[in-house]
Amino acid sequence: MQVANIIYLAVWAILAAYCFYSARKLSPILYVLGGFFVFMFGWRLADTLLPVNLFTGIYNIIFRAIAIVFLVVIILLYIMIKRKSK
């Protein structure tokens, strides 16, 4: 395992834990963002452990599609929360 992969895994895990921890105080949207960071952690871990490169070819397209879905959901939730607060 390369040092960069270990750093990426640690960053995604720490960000996910922080989002889940802060979600009660700040905003429930952080649960979805924490879920995205868990997905990023899992994808990077699978890329590190499997002999297949998950950031090329069809796997990269699947990765980007899931990331876009998360982004759209987070944006929609943010808009809904801002409209309710007004």
Protein backbone atom coordinates (compact mmCIF):
# COMPACT_ATOMS: atom_id res chain seq x y z
CA MET A 1 0.00 0.00 0.00
CA GLN A 2 1.35 3.40 -0.92
CA VAL A 3 1.63 6.21 1.59
CA ALA A 4 -0.66 8.44 -0.47
CA ASN A 5 -3.45 5.83 -0.37
CA ILE A 6 -3.15 5.57 3.40
CA ILE A 7 -3.36 9.36 3.70
CA TYR A 8 -6.44 9.47 1.46
CA LEU A 9 -8.10 6.72 3.49
CA ALA A 10 -7.39 8.58 6.72
CA VAL A 11 -8.71 11.87 5.34
CA TRP A 12 -11.98 10.34 4.11
CA ALA A 13 -12.51 8.48 7.38
CA ILE A 14 -11.82 11.57 9.51
CA LEU A 15 -14.11 13.75 7.38
CA ALA A 16 -16.92 11.19 7.58
CA ALA A 17 -16.59 10.88 11.36
CA TYR A 18 -16.55 14.65 11.76
CA CYS A 19 -19.64 15.10 9.58
CA PHE A 20 -21.60 12.47 11.50
CA TYR A 21 -20.48 14.01 14.79
CA SER A 22 -21.37 17.58 13.75
CA ALA A 23 -24.67 16.75 12.07
CA ARG A 24 -26.70 16.99 15.29
CA LYS A 25 -25.42 20.47 16.07
CA LEU A 26 -25.16 22.04 12.63
CA SER A 27 -27.40 20.51 9.98
CA PRO A 28 -28.86 17.15 8.99
CA ILE A 29 -27.38 17.64 5.53
CA LEU A 30 -24.07 16.58 7.07
CA TYR A 31 -25.41 13.01 7.36
CA VAL A 32 -25.59 12.84 3.57
CA LEU A 33 -22.19 14.47 3.25
CA GLY A 34 -20.80 11.99 5.77
CA GLY A 35 -22.30 9.18 3.70
CA PHE A 36 -20.48 10.56 0.68
CA PHE A 37 -17.21 10.52 2.58
CA VAL A 38 -17.88 6.93 3.66
CA PHE A 39 -18.42 6.08 -0.01
CA MET A 40 -15.14 7.79 -0.91
CA PHE A 41 -13.36 5.85 1.84
CA GLY A 42 -14.84 2.56 0.65
CA TRP A 43 -14.01 3.21 -2.99
CA ARG A 44 -10.41 4.17 -2.20
CA LEU A 45 -10.05 1.15 0.10
CA ALA A 46 -11.39 -1.17 -2.59
CA ASP A 47 -9.05 0.43 -5.13
CA THR A 48 -6.12 -0.14 -2.79
CA LEU A 49 -6.96 -3.76 -1.95
CA LEU A 50 -8.18 -5.05 -5.31
CA PRO A 51 -5.89 -5.74 -8.25
CA VAL A 52 -8.23 -3.75 -10.51
CA ASN A 53 -7.77 0.01 -10.89
CA LEU A 54 -11.14 1.50 -9.92
CA PHE A 55 -10.28 4.94 -11.28
CA THR A 56 -10.09 3.92 -14.95
CA GLY A 57 -12.57 2.70 -17.53
CA ILE A 58 -16.13 1.78 -16.63
CA TYR A 59 -15.34 1.86 -12.92
CA ASN A 60 -14.42 5.53 -13.19
CA ILE A 61 -17.74 6.24 -14.94
CA ILE A 62 -19.62 4.46 -12.14
CA PHE A 63 -17.62 6.38 -9.54
CA ARG A 64 -18.38 9.72 -11.18
CA ALA A 65 -22.08 8.89 -11.58
CA ILE A 66 -22.40 8.07 -7.88
CA ALA A 67 -20.49 11.23 -6.96
CA ILE A 68 -22.81 13.33 -9.16
CA VAL A 69 -25.89 11.76 -7.54
CA PHE A 70 -24.50 12.62 -4.09
CA LEU A 71 -23.77 16.17 -5.25
CA VAL A 72 -27.28 16.67 -6.63
CA VAL A 73 -28.88 15.28 -3.45
CA ILE A 74 -26.75 17.52 -1.25
CA ILE A 75 -27.60 20.59 -3.33
CA LEU A 76 -31.33 19.80 -3.28
CA LEU A 77 -31.28 19.25 0.48
CA TYR A 78 -29.41 22.51 0.96
CA ILE A 79 -31.99 24.40 -1.13
CA MET A 80 -34.86 22.81 0.81
CA ILE A 81 -33.32 23.68 4.17
CA LYS A 82 -32.67 27.29 3.11
CA ARG A 83 -36.24 27.71 1.86
CA LYS A 84 -37.67 26.37 5.12
CA SER A 85 -35.57 28.75 7.18
CA LYS A 86 -36.89 31.82 5.34
